[in-house]
Amino acid sequence: MTKTIEVHRVNWLRAKAAFDRASEETLLVKHEMQWTVNYFQYHSNQWKEKKLLGISYGHTAYAARQEAMWSRFASSAMRSFVSAGVAIDCE
C-alpha cells in the first residue's frame, strides 16, 4: 500500500511540475507578444518624429514610408495576437 501511495505522489509531483512549467511559459509568451507590439510601435513613433524633422522632401517621404511600415507591423501583430485569444494593450 505504501508503494502505491509513493507512486501516486511522484506522479502528482511530476504533473504539477509540468503544469507549472506550462503556466510560466504561457505567461512569458503573452509578455513577449506585448513586447513585440510595443517594439513595432516604438519604431513607428521614432520614424514619425524623424518625418516631422524632415530636412527635405525625400527625407520626409522616406520617413513616412518607414513609419507606415512599422505601424502596419504593429497592427498586424496585434490582430494576430488578439485572434489567438491574447489581450494586447494599445499604447
N, C-alpha and C. Protein backbone atom coordinates (compact mmCIF):
# COMPACT_ATOMS: atom_id res chain seq x y z
N MET A 1 0.81 -1.19 0.00
CA MET A 1 0.00 0.00 0.00
C MET A 1 0.86 1.26 0.00
N THR A 2 1.97 1.25 0.71
CA THR A 2 2.85 2.40 0.80
C THR A 2 3.47 2.73 -0.55
N LYS A 3 3.86 1.69 -1.31
CA LYS A 3 4.46 1.93 -2.62
C LYS A 3 3.46 2.56 -3.57
N THR A 4 2.21 2.17 -3.47
CA THR A 4 1.18 2.76 -4.32
C THR A 4 1.01 4.24 -4.02
N ILE A 5 1.03 4.59 -2.77
CA ILE A 5 0.91 5.99 -2.37
C ILE A 5 2.11 6.78 -2.88
N GLU A 6 3.30 6.20 -2.77
CA GLU A 6 4.51 6.88 -3.25
C GLU A 6 4.45 7.08 -4.76
N VAL A 7 3.98 6.10 -5.49
CA VAL A 7 3.86 6.22 -6.95
C VAL A 7 2.89 7.34 -7.30
N HIS A 8 1.76 7.39 -6.63
CA HIS A 8 0.79 8.46 -6.88
C HIS A 8 1.36 9.83 -6.53
N ARG A 9 2.12 9.87 -5.44
CA ARG A 9 2.74 11.14 -5.03
C ARG A 9 3.74 11.60 -6.08
N VAL A 10 4.56 10.71 -6.58
CA VAL A 10 5.55 11.05 -7.60
C VAL A 10 4.85 11.50 -8.88
N ASN A 11 3.82 10.78 -9.27
CA ASN A 11 3.07 11.17 -10.47
C ASN A 11 2.42 12.54 -10.30
N TRP A 12 1.89 12.80 -9.10
CA TRP A 12 1.27 14.09 -8.85
C TRP A 12 2.31 15.20 -8.92
N LEU A 13 3.48 14.96 -8.34
CA LEU A 13 4.54 15.97 -8.36
C LEU A 13 5.02 16.25 -9.78
N ARG A 14 5.15 15.21 -10.59
CA ARG A 14 5.56 15.40 -11.98
C ARG A 14 4.50 16.18 -12.76
N ALA A 15 3.24 15.84 -12.55
CA ALA A 15 2.16 16.54 -13.24
C ALA A 15 2.10 18.00 -12.81
N LYS A 16 2.28 18.26 -11.53
CA LYS A 16 2.27 19.64 -11.04
C LYS A 16 3.45 20.42 -11.62
N ALA A 17 4.60 19.81 -11.68
CA ALA A 17 5.78 20.48 -12.25
C ALA A 17 5.54 20.81 -13.73
N ALA A 18 4.96 19.88 -14.46
CA ALA A 18 4.65 20.12 -15.88
C ALA A 18 3.64 21.25 -16.01
N PHE A 19 2.63 21.26 -15.17
CA PHE A 19 1.63 22.32 -15.20
C PHE A 19 2.26 23.67 -14.89
N ASP A 20 3.11 23.72 -13.88
CA ASP A 20 3.79 24.96 -13.51
C ASP A 20 4.67 25.47 -14.64
N ARG A 21 5.40 24.57 -15.30
CA ARG A 21 6.24 24.98 -16.44
C ARG A 21 5.39 25.54 -17.57
N ALA A 22 4.28 24.87 -17.87
CA ALA A 22 3.39 25.33 -18.94
C ALA A 22 2.77 26.69 -18.59
N SER A 23 2.40 26.87 -17.34
CA SER A 23 1.83 28.16 -16.91
C SER A 23 2.85 29.28 -17.04
N GLU A 24 4.08 29.01 -16.64
CA GLU A 24 5.13 30.02 -16.74
C GLU A 24 5.41 30.35 -18.21
N GLU A 25 5.47 29.34 -19.04
CA GLU A 25 5.73 29.57 -20.46
C GLU A 25 4.60 30.37 -21.10
N THR A 26 3.37 30.08 -20.73
CA THR A 26 2.22 30.83 -21.25
C THR A 26 2.33 32.30 -20.87
N LEU A 27 2.68 32.56 -19.63
CA LEU A 27 2.84 33.93 -19.17
C LEU A 27 3.95 34.64 -19.94
N LEU A 28 5.08 33.96 -20.13
CA LEU A 28 6.20 34.57 -20.86
C LEU A 28 5.83 34.86 -22.31
N VAL A 29 5.13 33.94 -22.95
CA VAL A 29 4.76 34.15 -24.36
C VAL A 29 3.81 35.34 -24.49
N LYS A 30 2.87 35.47 -23.55
CA LYS A 30 1.96 36.63 -23.59
C LYS A 30 2.73 37.93 -23.44
N HIS A 31 3.70 37.95 -22.54
CA HIS A 31 4.52 39.16 -22.38
C HIS A 31 5.35 39.43 -23.64
N GLU A 32 5.88 38.40 -24.25
CA GLU A 32 6.67 38.58 -25.47
C GLU A 32 5.80 39.11 -26.61
N MET A 33 4.54 38.69 -26.64
CA MET A 33 3.62 39.24 -27.65
C MET A 33 3.43 40.74 -27.44
N GLN A 34 3.23 41.14 -26.20
CA GLN A 34 3.07 42.57 -25.89
C GLN A 34 4.35 43.33 -26.23
N TRP A 35 5.50 42.75 -25.89
CA TRP A 35 6.77 43.41 -26.19
C TRP A 35 6.97 43.58 -27.69
N THR A 36 6.52 42.62 -28.47
CA THR A 36 6.65 42.71 -29.92
C THR A 36 5.85 43.89 -30.45
N VAL A 37 4.60 44.01 -30.01
CA VAL A 37 3.77 45.14 -30.45
C VAL A 37 4.39 46.45 -29.99
N ASN A 38 4.86 46.50 -28.75
CA ASN A 38 5.50 47.73 -28.24
C ASN A 38 6.73 48.10 -29.07
N TYR A 39 7.51 47.10 -29.46
CA TYR A 39 8.71 47.34 -30.28
C TYR A 39 8.34 47.97 -31.62
N PHE A 40 7.32 47.41 -32.26
CA PHE A 40 6.88 47.95 -33.55
C PHE A 40 6.33 49.37 -33.39
N GLN A 41 5.56 49.60 -32.34
CA GLN A 41 5.01 50.94 -32.12
C GLN A 41 6.12 51.94 -31.81
N TYR A 42 7.13 51.51 -31.07
CA TYR A 42 8.26 52.39 -30.77
C TYR A 42 8.94 52.85 -32.06
N HIS A 43 9.20 51.91 -32.95
CA HIS A 43 9.87 52.27 -34.21
C HIS A 43 8.98 53.16 -35.07
N SER A 44 7.69 52.90 -35.06
CA SER A 44 6.76 53.76 -35.80
C SER A 44 6.83 55.19 -35.26
N ASN A 45 6.84 55.32 -33.94
CA ASN A 45 6.93 56.66 -33.33
C ASN A 45 8.26 57.34 -33.62
N GLN A 46 9.34 56.56 -33.66
CA GLN A 46 10.65 57.14 -33.98
C GLN A 46 10.66 57.71 -35.39
N TRP A 47 10.09 56.97 -36.34
CA TRP A 47 10.04 57.45 -37.72
C TRP A 47 9.07 58.61 -37.87
N LYS A 48 8.03 58.64 -37.05
CA LYS A 48 7.10 59.77 -37.08
C LYS A 48 7.83 61.06 -36.68
N GLU A 49 8.65 60.97 -35.63
CA GLU A 49 9.43 62.13 -35.20
C GLU A 49 10.42 62.56 -36.28
N LYS A 50 11.05 61.58 -36.93
CA LYS A 50 12.00 61.91 -38.00
C LYS A 50 11.29 62.54 -39.18
N LYS A 51 10.06 62.09 -39.44
CA LYS A 51 9.27 62.66 -40.54
C LYS A 51 8.98 64.13 -40.26
N LEU A 52 8.66 64.45 -39.02
CA LEU A 52 8.37 65.84 -38.67
C LEU A 52 9.60 66.73 -38.76
N LEU A 53 10.78 66.14 -38.61
CA LEU A 53 12.02 66.89 -38.69
C LEU A 53 12.64 66.84 -40.09
N GLY A 54 11.89 66.32 -41.04
CA GLY A 54 12.41 66.10 -42.39
C GLY A 54 13.15 67.30 -42.95
N ILE A 55 14.37 67.05 -43.40
CA ILE A 55 15.21 68.11 -43.95
C ILE A 55 14.77 68.45 -45.37
N SER A 56 14.43 67.43 -46.11
CA SER A 56 13.99 67.64 -47.49
C SER A 56 12.77 66.77 -47.74
N TYR A 57 12.19 66.96 -48.93
CA TYR A 57 11.02 66.16 -49.30
C TYR A 57 11.37 64.67 -49.32
N GLY A 58 12.55 64.34 -49.80
CA GLY A 58 12.97 62.94 -49.86
C GLY A 58 13.07 62.31 -48.47
N HIS A 59 13.66 63.05 -47.54
CA HIS A 59 13.77 62.55 -46.16
C HIS A 59 12.39 62.35 -45.55
N THR A 60 11.51 63.32 -45.78
CA THR A 60 10.16 63.25 -45.23
C THR A 60 9.40 62.07 -45.82
N ALA A 61 9.52 61.87 -47.12
CA ALA A 61 8.82 60.76 -47.79
C ALA A 61 9.33 59.41 -47.29
N TYR A 62 10.66 59.29 -47.16
CA TYR A 62 11.23 58.04 -46.68
C TYR A 62 10.77 57.76 -45.25
N ALA A 63 10.81 58.77 -44.40
CA ALA A 63 10.39 58.60 -43.01
C ALA A 63 8.92 58.22 -42.93
N ALA A 64 8.10 58.80 -43.81
CA ALA A 64 6.66 58.48 -43.82
C ALA A 64 6.45 57.02 -44.21
N ARG A 65 7.21 56.54 -45.18
CA ARG A 65 7.09 55.13 -45.58
C ARG A 65 7.53 54.21 -44.45
N GLN A 66 8.62 54.55 -43.78
CA GLN A 66 9.09 53.73 -42.67
C GLN A 66 8.08 53.73 -41.52
N GLU A 67 7.53 54.90 -41.23
CA GLU A 67 6.52 54.98 -40.17
C GLU A 67 5.32 54.09 -40.51
N ALA A 68 4.86 54.16 -41.75
CA ALA A 68 3.71 53.35 -42.16
C ALA A 68 4.04 51.85 -42.08
N MET A 69 5.25 51.48 -42.47
CA MET A 69 5.64 50.07 -42.43
C MET A 69 5.62 49.54 -41.00
N TRP A 70 6.24 50.28 -40.06
CA TRP A 70 6.28 49.84 -38.66
C TRP A 70 4.89 49.84 -38.05
N SER A 71 4.08 50.79 -38.45
CA SER A 71 2.70 50.84 -37.95
C SER A 71 1.91 49.63 -38.44
N ARG A 72 2.13 49.24 -39.69
CA ARG A 72 1.46 48.03 -40.22
C ARG A 72 1.93 46.79 -39.48
N PHE A 73 3.22 46.72 -39.19
CA PHE A 73 3.74 45.59 -38.40
C PHE A 73 3.01 45.50 -37.06
N ALA A 74 2.88 46.65 -36.38
CA ALA A 74 2.22 46.67 -35.06
C ALA A 74 0.77 46.25 -35.19
N SER A 75 0.07 46.78 -36.18
CA SER A 75 -1.35 46.44 -36.37
C SER A 75 -1.53 44.97 -36.70
N SER A 76 -0.68 44.47 -37.58
CA SER A 76 -0.77 43.06 -37.97
C SER A 76 -0.49 42.13 -36.80
N ALA A 77 0.54 42.46 -36.03
CA ALA A 77 0.87 41.64 -34.85
C ALA A 77 -0.27 41.67 -33.85
N MET A 78 -0.83 42.86 -33.62
CA MET A 78 -1.91 42.99 -32.66
C MET A 78 -3.12 42.17 -33.10
N ARG A 79 -3.48 42.27 -34.38
CA ARG A 79 -4.62 41.48 -34.89
C ARG A 79 -4.36 39.99 -34.74
N SER A 80 -3.16 39.56 -35.06
CA SER A 80 -2.83 38.14 -34.96
C SER A 80 -2.90 37.65 -33.51
N PHE A 81 -2.36 38.43 -32.60
CA PHE A 81 -2.34 38.02 -31.21
C PHE A 81 -3.75 38.03 -30.60
N VAL A 82 -4.55 39.04 -30.97
CA VAL A 82 -5.92 39.10 -30.47
C VAL A 82 -6.74 37.95 -31.02
N SER A 83 -6.52 37.60 -32.29
CA SER A 83 -7.25 36.46 -32.86
C SER A 83 -6.83 35.15 -32.22
N ALA A 84 -5.64 35.12 -31.63
CA ALA A 84 -5.17 33.92 -30.92
C ALA A 84 -5.70 33.90 -29.48
N GLY A 85 -6.42 34.97 -29.09
CA GLY A 85 -7.02 35.00 -27.77
C GLY A 85 -6.20 35.68 -26.69
N VAL A 86 -5.22 36.49 -27.12
CA VAL A 86 -4.37 37.19 -26.15
C VAL A 86 -4.74 38.67 -26.17
N ALA A 87 -5.03 39.22 -25.01
CA ALA A 87 -5.36 40.64 -24.91
C ALA A 87 -4.08 41.46 -24.97
N ILE A 88 -4.03 42.40 -25.91
CA ILE A 88 -2.86 43.24 -26.09
C ILE A 88 -3.27 44.68 -25.76
N ASP A 89 -2.46 45.35 -24.93
CA ASP A 89 -2.73 46.75 -24.58
C ASP A 89 -2.23 47.66 -25.68
N CYS A 90 -3.08 48.57 -26.12
CA CYS A 90 -2.67 49.57 -27.11
C CYS A 90 -2.07 50.74 -26.36
N GLU A 91 -0.89 51.16 -26.79
CA GLU A 91 -0.25 52.30 -26.14
C GLU A 91 -0.16 53.45 -27.08
